[in-house]
Amino acid sequence: MVFGDWVTNLGSPYGWVAYAPLSNAVNHPPGIPYGLRILIWIGLVMVWGIKSVWLLGPEPSENPDQ
């Protein structure tokens, strides 16, 4: 989760983004577009799921005849 948060916030400014909260100004902060952020999170969840199944899956038996 920490790695995903770091990757999806690359290039994004923290704190004040130079516009008044109640104004009608539209100011999108620079950084990774939201669609790409979703794809990154989906990819990270898929990697996490595959690694979990691999790590927590059944242990292969030493004798395949059993």
N, C-alpha and C. Protein backbone atom coordinates (compact mmCIF):
# COMPACT_ATOMS: atom_id res chain seq x y z
N MET A 1 0.82 -1.18 0.00
CA MET A 1 0.00 0.00 0.00
C MET A 1 0.87 1.25 0.00
N VAL A 2 1.93 1.24 0.76
CA VAL A 2 2.82 2.40 0.82
C VAL A 2 3.47 2.61 -0.55
N PHE A 3 3.90 1.52 -1.18
CA PHE A 3 4.52 1.63 -2.51
C PHE A 3 3.51 2.16 -3.53
N GLY A 4 2.28 1.66 -3.49
CA GLY A 4 1.25 2.13 -4.42
C GLY A 4 0.93 3.60 -4.22
N ASP A 5 0.87 4.03 -2.97
CA ASP A 5 0.62 5.44 -2.67
C ASP A 5 1.76 6.30 -3.18
N TRP A 6 2.99 5.83 -3.02
CA TRP A 6 4.15 6.58 -3.49
C TRP A 6 4.15 6.68 -5.02
N VAL A 7 3.86 5.57 -5.69
CA VAL A 7 3.88 5.56 -7.17
C VAL A 7 2.78 6.45 -7.72
N THR A 8 1.59 6.38 -7.17
CA THR A 8 0.48 7.16 -7.71
C THR A 8 0.57 8.64 -7.37
N ASN A 9 1.39 9.03 -6.41
CA ASN A 9 1.54 10.44 -6.07
C ASN A 9 2.82 11.06 -6.61
N LEU A 10 3.51 10.38 -7.51
CA LEU A 10 4.72 10.97 -8.10
C LEU A 10 4.36 12.24 -8.86
N GLY A 11 5.04 13.31 -8.60
CA GLY A 11 4.82 14.56 -9.30
C GLY A 11 3.65 15.37 -8.78
N SER A 12 2.95 14.90 -7.79
CA SER A 12 1.83 15.65 -7.23
C SER A 12 2.30 16.54 -6.10
N PRO A 13 1.86 17.79 -6.12
CA PRO A 13 2.25 18.69 -5.03
C PRO A 13 1.43 18.39 -3.78
N TYR A 14 2.02 18.59 -2.64
CA TYR A 14 1.31 18.44 -1.38
C TYR A 14 1.01 19.82 -0.82
N GLY A 15 -0.09 19.95 -0.13
CA GLY A 15 -0.43 21.21 0.50
C GLY A 15 -1.26 22.10 -0.40
N TRP A 16 -1.04 23.38 -0.31
CA TRP A 16 -1.81 24.38 -1.03
C TRP A 16 -1.54 24.31 -2.52
N VAL A 17 -2.61 24.35 -3.33
CA VAL A 17 -2.44 24.26 -4.78
C VAL A 17 -2.77 25.56 -5.49
N ALA A 18 -2.74 26.68 -4.79
CA ALA A 18 -2.81 28.03 -5.36
C ALA A 18 -4.18 28.41 -5.92
N TYR A 19 -5.26 27.96 -5.29
CA TYR A 19 -6.57 28.48 -5.66
C TYR A 19 -7.44 28.50 -4.42
N ALA A 20 -8.38 29.42 -4.40
CA ALA A 20 -9.27 29.55 -3.25
C ALA A 20 -10.28 28.41 -3.25
N PRO A 21 -10.52 27.78 -2.11
CA PRO A 21 -11.41 26.62 -2.06
C PRO A 21 -12.84 26.90 -2.53
N LEU A 22 -13.37 28.11 -2.32
CA LEU A 22 -14.75 28.41 -2.69
C LEU A 22 -14.86 29.11 -4.04
N SER A 23 -13.78 29.25 -4.77
CA SER A 23 -13.85 29.91 -6.08
C SER A 23 -14.28 28.88 -7.14
N ASN A 24 -14.64 29.39 -8.29
CA ASN A 24 -15.04 28.52 -9.40
C ASN A 24 -13.86 28.17 -10.30
N ALA A 25 -12.66 28.50 -9.89
CA ALA A 25 -11.48 28.22 -10.70
C ALA A 25 -11.20 26.72 -10.72
N VAL A 26 -10.87 26.24 -11.90
CA VAL A 26 -10.52 24.83 -12.04
C VAL A 26 -9.01 24.75 -12.20
N ASN A 27 -8.37 24.11 -11.26
CA ASN A 27 -6.92 24.00 -11.29
C ASN A 27 -6.57 22.56 -10.96
N HIS A 28 -6.19 21.79 -11.97
CA HIS A 28 -5.81 20.41 -11.74
C HIS A 28 -4.33 20.34 -11.43
N PRO A 29 -3.96 19.78 -10.31
CA PRO A 29 -2.54 19.68 -9.97
C PRO A 29 -1.83 18.72 -10.92
N PRO A 30 -0.55 18.98 -11.19
CA PRO A 30 0.19 18.08 -12.07
C PRO A 30 0.39 16.72 -11.41
N GLY A 31 0.65 15.76 -12.21
CA GLY A 31 0.88 14.42 -11.68
C GLY A 31 0.34 13.38 -12.63
N ILE A 32 0.19 12.18 -12.15
CA ILE A 32 -0.30 11.07 -12.95
C ILE A 32 -1.82 11.21 -13.11
N PRO A 33 -2.34 11.07 -14.34
CA PRO A 33 -3.80 11.15 -14.54
C PRO A 33 -4.54 10.06 -13.75
N TYR A 34 -5.79 10.35 -13.41
CA TYR A 34 -6.57 9.45 -12.55
C TYR A 34 -6.78 8.09 -13.19
N GLY A 35 -6.99 8.03 -14.50
CA GLY A 35 -7.17 6.74 -15.17
C GLY A 35 -5.94 5.86 -15.04
N LEU A 36 -4.77 6.47 -15.15
CA LEU A 36 -3.53 5.71 -15.00
C LEU A 36 -3.32 5.29 -13.56
N ARG A 37 -3.75 6.11 -12.61
CA ARG A 37 -3.66 5.73 -11.19
C ARG A 37 -4.50 4.49 -10.91
N ILE A 38 -5.68 4.43 -11.50
CA ILE A 38 -6.54 3.26 -11.30
C ILE A 38 -5.88 2.03 -11.89
N LEU A 39 -5.30 2.14 -13.08
CA LEU A 39 -4.62 1.00 -13.68
C LEU A 39 -3.42 0.54 -12.85
N ILE A 40 -2.70 1.49 -12.27
CA ILE A 40 -1.57 1.14 -11.40
C ILE A 40 -2.07 0.36 -10.19
N TRP A 41 -3.15 0.85 -9.56
CA TRP A 41 -3.68 0.16 -8.38
C TRP A 41 -4.21 -1.23 -8.73
N ILE A 42 -4.88 -1.36 -9.88
CA ILE A 42 -5.37 -2.68 -10.30
C ILE A 42 -4.20 -3.63 -10.52
N GLY A 43 -3.14 -3.15 -11.16
CA GLY A 43 -1.95 -3.97 -11.37
C GLY A 43 -1.30 -4.39 -10.06
N LEU A 44 -1.20 -3.47 -9.12
CA LEU A 44 -0.59 -3.80 -7.82
C LEU A 44 -1.44 -4.81 -7.04
N VAL A 45 -2.76 -4.68 -7.12
CA VAL A 45 -3.64 -5.64 -6.45
C VAL A 45 -3.52 -7.01 -7.09
N MET A 46 -3.40 -7.05 -8.42
CA MET A 46 -3.23 -8.33 -9.11
C MET A 46 -1.92 -9.00 -8.70
N VAL A 47 -0.84 -8.23 -8.64
CA VAL A 47 0.46 -8.78 -8.22
C VAL A 47 0.36 -9.29 -6.79
N TRP A 48 -0.28 -8.52 -5.91
CA TRP A 48 -0.45 -8.94 -4.52
C TRP A 48 -1.25 -10.24 -4.42
N GLY A 49 -2.32 -10.35 -5.20
CA GLY A 49 -3.14 -11.55 -5.17
C GLY A 49 -2.39 -12.77 -5.69
N ILE A 50 -1.66 -12.62 -6.78
CA ILE A 50 -0.89 -13.74 -7.34
C ILE A 50 0.19 -14.19 -6.36
N LYS A 51 0.90 -13.24 -5.77
CA LYS A 51 1.95 -13.60 -4.81
C LYS A 51 1.35 -14.25 -3.57
N SER A 52 0.17 -13.81 -3.13
CA SER A 52 -0.47 -14.40 -1.97
C SER A 52 -0.87 -15.85 -2.24
N VAL A 53 -1.43 -16.10 -3.41
CA VAL A 53 -1.81 -17.47 -3.76
C VAL A 53 -0.57 -18.35 -3.86
N TRP A 54 0.48 -17.81 -4.42
CA TRP A 54 1.72 -18.57 -4.56
C TRP A 54 2.34 -18.88 -3.19
N LEU A 55 2.35 -17.88 -2.30
CA LEU A 55 2.95 -18.08 -0.99
C LEU A 55 2.08 -18.93 -0.06
N LEU A 56 0.78 -18.74 -0.11
CA LEU A 56 -0.12 -19.41 0.82
C LEU A 56 -0.79 -20.65 0.24
N GLY A 57 -0.46 -20.97 -1.00
CA GLY A 57 -1.06 -22.13 -1.65
C GLY A 57 -0.58 -23.44 -1.05
N PRO A 58 -1.16 -24.54 -1.52
CA PRO A 58 -0.75 -25.85 -0.98
C PRO A 58 0.71 -26.15 -1.30
N GLU A 59 1.35 -26.80 -0.35
CA GLU A 59 2.75 -27.15 -0.52
C GLU A 59 2.85 -28.37 -1.43
N PRO A 60 3.70 -28.33 -2.43
CA PRO A 60 3.84 -29.50 -3.31
C PRO A 60 4.40 -30.68 -2.52
N SER A 61 3.84 -31.86 -2.78
CA SER A 61 4.29 -33.04 -2.05
C SER A 61 5.64 -33.50 -2.60
N GLU A 62 6.42 -34.10 -1.74
CA GLU A 62 7.74 -34.58 -2.15
C GLU A 62 7.62 -35.82 -3.02
N ASN A 63 6.61 -36.65 -2.77
CA ASN A 63 6.40 -37.87 -3.52
C ASN A 63 5.16 -37.71 -4.40
N PRO A 64 5.33 -37.56 -5.71
CA PRO A 64 4.17 -37.31 -6.58
C PRO A 64 3.24 -38.50 -6.70
N ASP A 65 3.63 -39.69 -6.26
CA ASP A 65 2.78 -40.87 -6.36
C ASP A 65 1.70 -40.91 -5.28
N GLN A 66 1.82 -40.12 -4.26
CA GLN A 66 0.84 -40.15 -3.15
C GLN A 66 -0.36 -39.33 -3.46
